[in-house]
Protein backbone atom coordinates (compact mmCIF):
# COMPACT_ATOMS: atom_id res chain seq x y z
CA MET A 1 0.00 0.00 0.00
CA SER A 2 1.29 3.47 -0.83
CA ILE A 3 2.11 5.62 2.17
CA LEU A 4 -0.33 8.19 0.76
CA SER A 5 -3.19 5.66 0.82
CA THR A 6 -4.06 5.67 4.49
CA PRO A 7 -6.80 3.37 5.87
CA THR A 8 -8.56 6.33 7.44
CA PRO A 9 -8.34 9.75 5.79
CA PRO A 10 -6.43 12.16 8.04
CA LYS A 11 -8.57 14.54 10.05
CA ALA A 12 -7.19 17.97 9.31
CA LEU A 13 -8.13 20.69 11.76
CA PRO A 14 -10.72 23.03 10.22
CA ASP A 15 -10.05 26.72 9.79
CA SER A 16 -12.47 27.39 12.64
CA PHE A 17 -10.04 25.68 15.05
CA PHE A 18 -7.60 28.56 14.54
CA ASP A 19 -10.21 31.30 14.93
CA ARG A 20 -9.70 31.74 18.67
CA ASP A 21 -7.66 33.78 21.12
CA ALA A 22 -3.93 33.47 20.40
CA GLN A 23 -3.03 32.12 23.85
CA VAL A 24 -5.83 29.57 23.73
CA LEU A 25 -4.73 28.52 20.25
CA ALA A 26 -1.09 28.30 21.35
CA ARG A 27 -2.06 25.87 24.12
CA GLU A 28 -4.46 23.86 21.99
CA LEU A 29 -1.89 23.36 19.22
CA LEU A 30 0.41 21.46 21.59
CA GLY A 31 0.26 17.76 20.78
CA LYS A 32 -1.12 18.33 17.29
CA ILE A 33 0.70 16.95 14.24
CA ILE A 34 1.94 19.05 11.33
CA ARG A 35 1.98 17.01 8.11
CA HIS A 36 3.68 18.18 4.92
CA ARG A 37 3.74 16.04 1.81
CA VAL A 38 6.98 16.05 -0.15
CA GLY A 39 6.86 13.75 -3.15
CA ASP A 40 5.46 10.43 -1.95
CA LEU A 41 6.27 11.07 1.71
CA TRP A 42 4.37 12.77 4.50
CA LEU A 43 6.91 14.55 6.72
CA SER A 44 5.39 14.97 10.17
CA ALA A 45 6.16 16.48 13.56
CA ARG A 46 4.31 16.84 16.86
CA ILE A 47 4.05 20.45 18.09
CA ILE A 48 5.74 20.78 21.50
CA GLU A 49 6.35 24.54 21.84
CA THR A 50 4.38 27.60 20.73
CA GLU A 51 4.35 31.35 21.30
CA ALA A 52 1.32 33.64 21.19
CA TYR A 53 1.51 37.15 19.72
CA TYR A 54 -1.00 40.02 19.76
CA CYS A 55 -1.18 43.05 17.52
CA GLU A 56 -1.12 45.50 20.43
CA GLU A 57 2.04 44.22 22.14
CA LYS A 58 5.47 45.33 21.03
CA GLY A 59 6.95 41.87 20.53
CA SER A 60 4.72 41.11 17.56
CA HIS A 61 5.43 41.79 13.89
CA ALA A 62 1.88 43.09 13.56
CA SER A 63 2.60 45.91 16.03
CA LEU A 64 4.75 47.47 13.28
CA GLY A 65 1.65 47.88 11.12
CA TYR A 66 0.12 46.31 8.06
CA THR A 67 2.35 45.62 5.07
CA GLU A 68 1.95 43.27 2.13
CA LYS A 69 4.58 41.01 3.71
CA ARG A 70 2.67 40.86 7.00
CA LYS A 71 -0.82 40.64 5.51
CA ALA A 72 -1.36 37.04 6.67
CA LEU A 73 -1.34 38.28 10.27
CA PHE A 74 -4.38 40.42 9.50
CA LEU A 75 -6.36 37.70 7.73
CA ASP A 76 -8.85 35.29 9.30
CA GLY A 77 -7.66 32.61 11.69
CA GLY A 78 -5.99 29.69 9.95
CA HIS A 79 -3.87 31.58 7.45
CA ILE A 80 -0.18 30.73 7.28
CA TYR A 81 2.34 33.45 8.03
CA MET A 82 5.96 32.63 7.23
CA TYR A 83 9.02 34.83 7.50
CA TYR A 84 12.81 34.53 7.61
CA ALA A 85 14.54 34.43 10.99
CA ARG A 86 18.29 34.00 11.47
CA GLY A 87 18.66 32.79 7.89
CA GLY A 88 15.87 30.23 8.08
CA ASP A 89 12.11 29.93 7.62
CA SER A 90 9.58 30.30 10.45
CA LEU A 91 6.00 29.03 10.59
CA ASN A 92 3.05 30.89 12.16
CA PHE A 93 -0.73 30.57 12.05
CA SER A 94 -3.06 33.55 12.25
CA ALA A 95 -5.46 33.53 15.21
CA GLN A 96 -8.69 35.33 16.09
CA GLY A 97 -8.48 39.08 15.63
CA PRO A 98 -6.41 41.16 13.20
CA GLY A 99 -2.68 40.96 13.90
CA ASN A 100 -2.84 38.03 16.33
CA ALA A 101 -0.96 34.80 15.65
CA VAL A 102 0.87 31.78 17.03
CA LEU A 103 4.48 30.94 16.23
CA ILE A 104 5.31 27.24 16.05
CA LYS A 105 8.52 27.36 18.05
CA SER A 106 9.55 23.69 18.03
CA ALA A 107 8.29 20.17 17.45
CA TYR A 108 9.29 16.51 17.72
CA PRO A 109 9.52 14.08 14.78
CA TRP A 110 6.38 11.98 14.44
CA VAL A 111 6.34 8.45 13.03
CA ASP A 112 3.16 6.45 12.42
CA GLU A 113 1.44 4.54 9.60
CA VAL A 114 1.17 7.75 7.55
CA SER A 115 4.69 9.02 8.19
CA GLY A 116 6.95 6.00 8.44
CA PRO A 117 10.72 5.50 8.81
CA ALA A 118 11.31 6.74 5.26
CA SER A 119 9.71 10.06 6.18
CA LEU A 120 11.94 10.43 9.23
CA ALA A 121 14.98 9.55 7.11
CA GLN A 122 14.05 12.33 4.67
CA MET A 123 13.67 14.83 7.52
CA LEU A 124 17.13 13.89 8.78
CA LEU A 125 18.53 14.48 5.30
CA ASN A 126 16.74 17.83 5.09
CA ASN A 127 18.29 19.15 8.29
CA PRO A 128 21.88 18.01 8.95
CA ASP A 129 24.06 19.72 11.53
CA ALA A 130 26.73 22.29 10.67
CA SER A 131 29.18 19.49 9.84
CA GLY A 132 26.74 17.78 7.49
CA ARG A 133 26.07 14.91 9.89
CA PRO A 134 22.57 13.79 10.91
CA ARG A 135 21.17 15.53 13.97
CA PRO A 136 19.84 13.46 16.87
CA SER A 137 16.19 12.90 15.94
CA GLN A 138 14.94 14.37 19.23
CA LYS A 139 16.66 17.67 18.36
CA LEU A 140 15.74 17.66 14.67
CA CYS A 141 12.90 20.19 15.10
CA ALA A 142 14.13 21.90 18.29
CA GLY A 143 13.71 25.45 17.03
CA GLN A 144 11.49 27.37 14.63
CA THR A 145 13.92 27.33 11.69
CA LEU A 146 15.05 23.74 12.33
CA LEU A 147 11.41 22.66 12.27
CA CYS A 148 10.76 24.28 8.90
CA LYS A 149 13.97 22.90 7.43
CA ALA A 150 13.19 19.35 8.58
CA LEU A 151 9.65 19.53 7.19
CA GLY A 152 10.70 21.25 3.96
CA LEU A 153 8.51 24.33 4.54
CA LYS A 154 9.52 27.48 2.65
CA VAL A 155 8.41 31.10 2.90
CA PRO A 156 7.79 31.65 -0.86
CA VAL A 157 5.55 28.58 -1.08
CA TRP A 158 3.33 28.97 1.98
CA ASP A 159 3.29 32.57 3.22
CA ALA A 160 -0.24 34.05 3.28
CA LYS A 161 -1.79 30.78 2.11
CA ARG A 162 -4.56 28.63 3.56
CA PHE A 163 -3.87 25.00 4.36
CA ASP A 164 -4.02 22.64 1.39
CA HIS A 165 -5.18 19.33 2.85
CA GLU A 166 -3.57 17.45 -0.02
CA VAL A 167 -0.16 18.85 0.89
CA LEU A 168 -0.08 20.63 4.28
CA PHE A 169 -2.35 20.48 7.31
CA VAL A 170 -2.42 20.14 11.09
CA GLU A 171 -4.04 17.03 12.53
CA ASP A 172 -5.39 16.00 15.91
CA VAL A 173 -4.40 12.35 16.35
CA GLY A 174 -5.66 12.23 19.93
CA THR A 175 -2.31 12.35 21.71
CA PRO A 176 -2.86 13.92 25.14
CA VAL A 177 -0.86 16.74 26.68
CA ALA A 178 -0.89 16.07 30.41
CA SER A 179 0.83 19.25 31.57
CA ILE A 180 1.73 22.57 29.95
CA ILE A 181 4.50 24.96 30.96
CA GLN A 182 3.73 28.67 30.53
CA THR A 183 6.72 31.00 30.44
CA THR A 184 8.22 34.02 28.68
CA ARG A 185 8.92 34.07 24.96
CA LEU A 186 12.43 33.81 23.53
CA GLY A 187 14.37 36.34 21.48
CA ILE A 188 12.18 39.33 22.36
CA PRO A 189 14.34 42.49 22.55
CA HIS A 190 14.44 44.45 25.81
CA GLY A 191 11.55 46.87 26.09
CA ARG A 192 9.32 45.00 23.63
CA ASP A 193 7.16 43.20 26.21
CA GLU A 194 9.75 40.51 26.80
CA HIS A 195 8.21 39.80 30.23
CA LEU A 196 4.90 38.48 28.87
CA MET A 197 4.34 34.78 29.55
CA TYR A 198 3.09 33.88 26.11
CA ARG A 199 5.25 30.77 25.48
CA PHE A 200 3.74 27.32 26.00
CA VAL A 201 5.61 24.01 26.18
CA ASP A 202 4.39 20.43 26.40
CA ALA A 203 6.00 19.50 29.74
CA ALA A 204 6.70 15.91 28.66
CA TYR A 205 8.88 17.25 25.83
CA ALA A 206 10.53 20.16 27.70
CA PRO A 207 14.11 18.83 27.19
CA TYR A 208 13.59 18.90 23.41
CA CYS A 209 12.19 22.41 22.90
CA THR A 210 14.15 25.52 21.94
CA ARG A 211 15.20 26.23 25.54
CA ASN A 212 14.11 24.00 28.39
CA PRO A 213 12.02 26.09 30.82
CA LEU A 214 12.72 23.49 33.54
CA ARG A 215 16.50 23.87 33.30
CA ARG A 216 18.55 24.41 36.44
CA GLY A 217 17.95 27.76 38.12
CA GLN A 218 14.37 28.20 36.90
CA VAL A 219 11.80 28.61 39.69
CA GLU A 220 8.13 27.69 39.40
CA GLY A 221 5.89 30.67 40.06
CA ARG A 222 8.65 33.11 39.15
CA ASP A 223 10.06 31.92 35.83
CA TYR A 224 7.27 29.61 34.72
CA LEU A 225 3.83 28.27 35.58
CA LEU A 226 2.54 24.70 35.32
CA LEU A 227 -0.92 24.34 33.77
CA ASP A 228 -2.95 21.13 33.96
């Protein structure tokens, strides 16, 4: 059977799923699976880290105003907003309200009957380390640009687009998220609302996200919150 011929058609999240408050969406996206078809393979990753952004706060791109490049942020929930960061591609989804969105900060490779070992092998080839060697699979998508590179997602192809369920979608496969860590976002310049706790991490995957919020020296109630 071809890997594209699944016994049960994948259940892509509808656009209405994304039409909600950015923080709610950021939490609800944890545990969901991003699937991107490249050739005959579905490259897939489980979302483990997200960041919420609002138009009115200084850390967001939308706070700089509407431009053609940022138009996806001002479209209905469920539009894809991609941009370049540190020489790589970054993936965001628009949320409810003009200028609000969620950044997919990191993920974890996902293997199942749709995305088998060949898909993981392709992701490893897509995203070698600086020496050209394969990355450890658990760190393959540990950052917003690493995630896009592993999944083969590019700004020119997907920016300001809707999901195409034949090629790219987000799926709920029923994997639970038992505990969520809420903490401050990463890479926000000083004075641009860097204190806001708009980053959300699946606690079970905390060691594999961009920066572990449970690392030594971090104090619950001061540096992060645990949400059930």
